[in-house]
């Protein structure tokens, strides 16, 4: 069942990140959060997700608030490396 609710995002993400990085698409961020290749929790509680975005040709890092849902930042991560299990 599709979720028709608009994605949650911080004011910073909506007003700064999307404006400064017009190549980052909200749907890509949502897909990375839903199906991450990797997920880490930062010391401050924010959650980092990584996923490969074919149209971008790179891995995208998406950072959410502690709830794991509210998008705070997103950017191509040139240094992403798979971490062995």
Protein backbone atom coordinates (compact mmCIF):
# COMPACT_ATOMS: atom_id res chain seq x y z
CA UNK A 1 0.00 0.00 0.00
CA UNK A 2 1.61 3.30 -1.07
CA UNK A 3 2.21 6.00 1.48
CA UNK A 4 0.45 9.18 0.36
CA UNK A 5 1.82 11.32 3.19
CA UNK A 6 4.38 13.95 2.18
CA UNK A 7 7.91 13.09 3.30
CA UNK A 8 9.11 14.61 6.55
CA UNK A 9 12.07 16.95 6.26
CA UNK A 10 13.80 19.58 8.31
CA UNK A 11 13.60 23.23 7.39
CA UNK A 12 17.34 23.08 6.65
CA UNK A 13 16.82 20.29 4.10
CA UNK A 14 13.85 21.99 2.44
CA UNK A 15 15.35 25.48 2.29
CA UNK A 16 19.09 24.86 1.96
CA UNK A 17 19.95 21.37 0.74
CA UNK A 18 17.39 21.13 -2.06
CA UNK A 19 18.27 24.66 -3.21
CA UNK A 20 22.06 24.17 -3.09
CA UNK A 21 21.95 20.66 -4.57
CA UNK A 22 19.21 20.75 -7.22
CA UNK A 23 20.47 17.43 -8.60
CA UNK A 24 19.33 15.65 -5.39
CA UNK A 25 15.78 14.39 -5.79
CA UNK A 26 13.45 13.77 -2.91
CA UNK A 27 12.28 10.44 -4.34
CA UNK A 28 15.90 9.22 -4.37
CA UNK A 29 16.24 10.09 -0.69
CA UNK A 30 13.06 8.20 0.12
CA UNK A 31 14.23 5.15 -1.84
CA UNK A 32 17.62 5.13 -0.08
CA UNK A 33 15.90 5.29 3.33
CA UNK A 34 13.48 2.51 2.37
CA UNK A 35 16.16 0.23 0.87
CA UNK A 36 19.61 1.19 2.17
CA UNK A 37 22.80 -0.61 1.25
CA UNK A 38 24.13 0.50 4.62
CA UNK A 39 22.75 2.22 7.73
CA UNK A 40 24.70 3.75 10.63
CA UNK A 41 23.66 5.70 13.70
CA UNK A 42 25.86 8.72 14.45
CA UNK A 43 26.99 9.65 17.96
CA UNK A 44 24.40 12.44 18.01
CA UNK A 45 21.60 9.96 17.20
CA UNK A 46 21.09 10.98 13.61
CA UNK A 47 20.89 8.12 11.15
CA UNK A 48 22.94 7.83 7.95
CA UNK A 49 21.71 5.77 5.01
CA UNK A 50 23.57 4.97 1.80
CA UNK A 51 22.20 3.74 -1.49
CA UNK A 52 23.30 3.66 -5.11
CA UNK A 53 21.30 5.95 -7.41
CA UNK A 54 21.78 4.92 -11.07
CA UNK A 55 20.61 8.26 -12.59
CA UNK A 56 23.14 10.04 -10.37
CA UNK A 57 25.84 7.45 -11.07
CA UNK A 58 26.94 7.60 -7.43
CA UNK A 59 26.09 6.53 -3.92
CA UNK A 60 23.81 8.94 -2.10
CA UNK A 61 24.15 9.51 1.65
CA UNK A 62 20.92 10.54 3.33
CA UNK A 63 20.97 11.76 6.93
CA UNK A 64 17.81 11.73 9.01
CA UNK A 65 16.99 12.91 12.49
CA UNK A 66 16.89 10.40 15.32
CA UNK A 67 13.44 9.19 14.20
CA UNK A 68 15.02 7.66 11.08
CA UNK A 69 12.37 9.33 8.91
CA UNK A 70 12.81 13.11 8.91
CA UNK A 71 15.32 13.95 6.16
CA UNK A 72 17.98 16.45 7.25
CA UNK A 73 20.72 16.19 4.62
CA UNK A 74 21.61 14.34 1.42
CA UNK A 75 24.60 14.37 -0.88
CA UNK A 76 26.60 12.15 -3.25
CA UNK A 77 29.19 10.30 -1.19
CA UNK A 78 32.37 9.88 -3.24
CA UNK A 79 34.06 8.03 -0.39
CA UNK A 80 31.38 5.37 0.16
CA UNK A 81 32.78 1.87 0.59
CA UNK A 82 30.97 -1.35 1.35
CA UNK A 83 31.65 -2.56 4.88
CA UNK A 84 32.06 -6.36 5.11
CA UNK A 85 29.66 -8.12 7.49
